[in-house]
């Protein structure tokens, strides 16, 4: 699994002009699921997301997590995180998980993140979404799980 986390001052998701999710300050998390990913991948990434220290403390150092600062998270599924552009200019998505497996792990990731006490909202799985993000910093972090290699 792979997540791209962006610190935001606000963000929202709209589908066909209707806002379906909106958060104030916090993070937007784009979640991609690869073939072979397992529940351990989602657990690892949820733990890392919840505890990632990308918010400033009283000294301006990035020492606070989303939990510490009481921010919100907006979780968006994004299979294109597994787009491979090494050959040609058109990405292939052969390593992305099938929709049913991806949806199960995406939902499991959300459940795990919520268990850490993170206030969150979500996009709609497999929907064509307009994601409106006000990057804060900007701060963007990419985290990958790799349980298949025993890490």
Protein backbone atom coordinates (compact mmCIF):
# COMPACT_ATOMS: atom_id res chain seq x y z
CA UNK A 1 0.00 0.00 0.00
CA UNK A 2 1.03 3.56 -0.57
CA UNK A 3 -0.22 6.82 0.94
CA UNK A 4 0.49 10.40 -0.02
CA UNK A 5 -0.18 12.72 2.90
CA UNK A 6 -0.55 16.47 2.47
CA UNK A 7 -0.88 18.92 5.34
CA UNK A 8 -3.77 21.28 4.58
CA UNK A 9 -5.47 24.32 6.02
CA UNK A 10 -8.73 23.02 4.51
CA UNK A 11 -9.90 20.48 1.94
CA UNK A 12 -13.04 19.08 0.39
CA UNK A 13 -14.30 16.45 -2.03
CA UNK A 14 -17.10 17.09 -4.51
CA UNK A 15 -18.84 14.70 -6.85
CA UNK A 16 -20.84 16.14 -9.75
CA UNK A 17 -20.86 19.53 -8.05
CA UNK A 18 -22.05 18.21 -4.67
CA UNK A 19 -19.68 18.51 -1.72
CA UNK A 20 -19.54 15.08 -0.03
CA UNK A 21 -16.75 15.71 2.49
CA UNK A 22 -15.01 18.73 3.98
CA UNK A 23 -12.39 19.29 6.66
CA UNK A 24 -10.67 22.24 8.29
CA UNK A 25 -6.97 22.11 9.20
CA UNK A 26 -5.41 18.66 9.06
CA UNK A 27 -4.30 16.23 6.39
CA UNK A 28 -5.50 14.81 3.10
CA UNK A 29 -4.47 11.21 2.58
CA UNK A 30 -4.50 9.64 -0.87
CA UNK A 31 -4.54 5.84 -0.52
CA UNK A 32 -3.40 3.36 -3.15
CA UNK A 33 -3.60 -0.41 -2.84
CA UNK A 34 -1.35 -2.81 -4.76
CA UNK A 35 -1.90 -6.44 -5.68
CA UNK A 36 -0.84 -8.63 -2.79
CA UNK A 37 -1.35 -6.02 -0.09
CA UNK A 38 -2.76 -7.33 3.19
CA UNK A 39 -4.39 -6.05 6.35
CA UNK A 40 -0.92 -5.66 7.94
CA UNK A 41 -0.13 -3.03 5.28
CA UNK A 42 -3.22 -1.02 6.22
CA UNK A 43 -2.44 -1.34 9.93
CA UNK A 44 1.13 -0.14 9.43
CA UNK A 45 0.07 2.85 7.33
CA UNK A 46 -2.73 3.82 9.71
CA UNK A 47 -0.27 3.81 12.63
CA UNK A 48 2.26 5.87 10.65
CA UNK A 49 -0.42 8.32 9.46
CA UNK A 50 -1.85 8.86 12.95
CA UNK A 51 1.57 9.44 14.52
CA UNK A 52 3.33 11.29 11.71
CA UNK A 53 4.80 14.48 13.19
CA UNK A 54 4.19 17.12 10.50
CA UNK A 55 2.57 19.85 12.59
CA UNK A 56 4.53 22.57 14.33
CA UNK A 57 4.94 22.71 18.09
CA UNK A 58 5.28 25.93 20.12
CA UNK A 59 8.87 26.27 18.86
CA UNK A 60 7.96 25.90 15.20
CA UNK A 61 9.44 22.38 14.95
CA UNK A 62 7.52 19.59 13.23
CA UNK A 63 6.88 17.66 16.43
CA UNK A 64 3.09 17.20 16.57
CA UNK A 65 0.88 14.58 14.96
CA UNK A 66 -2.67 14.89 13.71
CA UNK A 67 -3.73 13.37 17.04
CA UNK A 68 -1.66 15.87 19.07
CA UNK A 69 -3.12 18.91 17.32
CA UNK A 70 -6.69 17.63 17.02
CA UNK A 71 -6.76 18.09 13.27
CA UNK A 72 -8.97 16.28 10.81
CA UNK A 73 -8.19 13.86 8.00
CA UNK A 74 -9.77 13.54 4.58
CA UNK A 75 -9.15 10.09 3.10
CA UNK A 76 -9.36 9.62 -0.68
CA UNK A 77 -8.85 6.39 -2.61
CA UNK A 78 -6.48 6.77 -5.55
CA UNK A 79 -5.45 3.76 -7.62
CA UNK A 80 -3.34 6.05 -9.83
CA UNK A 81 -0.68 6.02 -7.10
CA UNK A 82 0.32 2.75 -8.72
CA UNK A 83 0.61 4.16 -12.23
CA UNK A 84 3.84 2.95 -13.82
CA UNK A 85 5.33 5.38 -16.35
CA UNK A 86 8.71 3.74 -16.86
CA UNK A 87 7.80 2.59 -20.37
CA UNK A 88 6.23 5.16 -22.66
CA UNK A 89 4.10 8.11 -21.67
CA UNK A 90 0.87 6.35 -20.81
CA UNK A 91 0.84 4.91 -17.29
CA UNK A 92 -0.15 1.30 -16.77
CA UNK A 93 -1.85 0.17 -13.60
CA UNK A 94 -0.92 -3.52 -13.59
CA UNK A 95 0.32 -3.41 -10.00
CA UNK A 96 -2.83 -1.74 -8.64
CA UNK A 97 -5.18 -4.07 -6.78
CA UNK A 98 -8.52 -5.12 -8.22
CA UNK A 99 -11.38 -2.87 -7.04
CA UNK A 100 -12.87 -5.37 -4.56
CA UNK A 101 -9.53 -6.01 -2.81
CA UNK A 102 -8.66 -2.31 -2.91
CA UNK A 103 -11.99 -1.27 -1.41
CA UNK A 104 -11.65 -3.77 1.45
CA UNK A 105 -8.15 -2.56 2.38
CA UNK A 106 -9.08 1.10 1.88
CA UNK A 107 -12.01 0.68 4.28
CA UNK A 108 -9.84 -1.28 6.71
CA UNK A 109 -7.24 1.52 6.66
CA UNK A 110 -10.00 4.04 7.48
CA UNK A 111 -11.25 1.86 10.34
CA UNK A 112 -7.74 1.52 11.74
CA UNK A 113 -7.04 5.25 11.48
CA UNK A 114 -10.33 6.03 13.20
CA UNK A 115 -9.37 3.62 16.00
CA UNK A 116 -6.40 5.90 16.76
CA UNK A 117 -8.90 8.68 17.46
CA UNK A 118 -8.40 10.60 14.22
CA UNK A 119 -11.46 12.61 13.20
CA UNK A 120 -11.95 11.86 9.54
CA UNK A 121 -14.10 12.09 6.46
CA UNK A 122 -13.78 10.22 3.20
CA UNK A 123 -14.26 10.51 -0.50
CA UNK A 124 -16.30 7.91 -2.36
CA UNK A 125 -14.47 4.80 -3.53
CA UNK A 126 -14.19 4.57 -7.35
CA UNK A 127 -16.01 7.88 -7.86
CA UNK A 128 -14.77 10.64 -10.15
CA UNK A 129 -14.01 13.25 -7.48
CA UNK A 130 -12.92 16.86 -7.45
CA UNK A 131 -10.52 17.21 -4.53
CA UNK A 132 -9.98 20.81 -3.45
CA UNK A 133 -6.87 21.20 -1.29
CA UNK A 134 -5.32 24.23 0.36
CA UNK A 135 -1.77 22.95 0.96
CA UNK A 136 -0.23 24.17 4.19
CA UNK A 137 3.53 24.58 4.00
CA UNK A 138 3.43 22.78 1.63
CA UNK A 139 4.13 19.54 3.43
CA UNK A 140 3.77 16.33 1.42
CA UNK A 141 4.92 12.91 2.65
CA UNK A 142 4.84 9.57 0.83
CA UNK A 143 4.78 6.38 2.89
CA UNK A 144 4.80 2.85 1.54
CA UNK A 145 4.23 -0.40 3.35
CA UNK A 146 6.20 -3.41 2.31
CA UNK A 147 5.09 -6.38 4.35
CA UNK A 148 5.79 -8.64 1.38
CA UNK A 149 9.50 -8.16 2.11
CA UNK A 150 9.09 -8.59 5.86
CA UNK A 151 9.78 -4.97 6.75
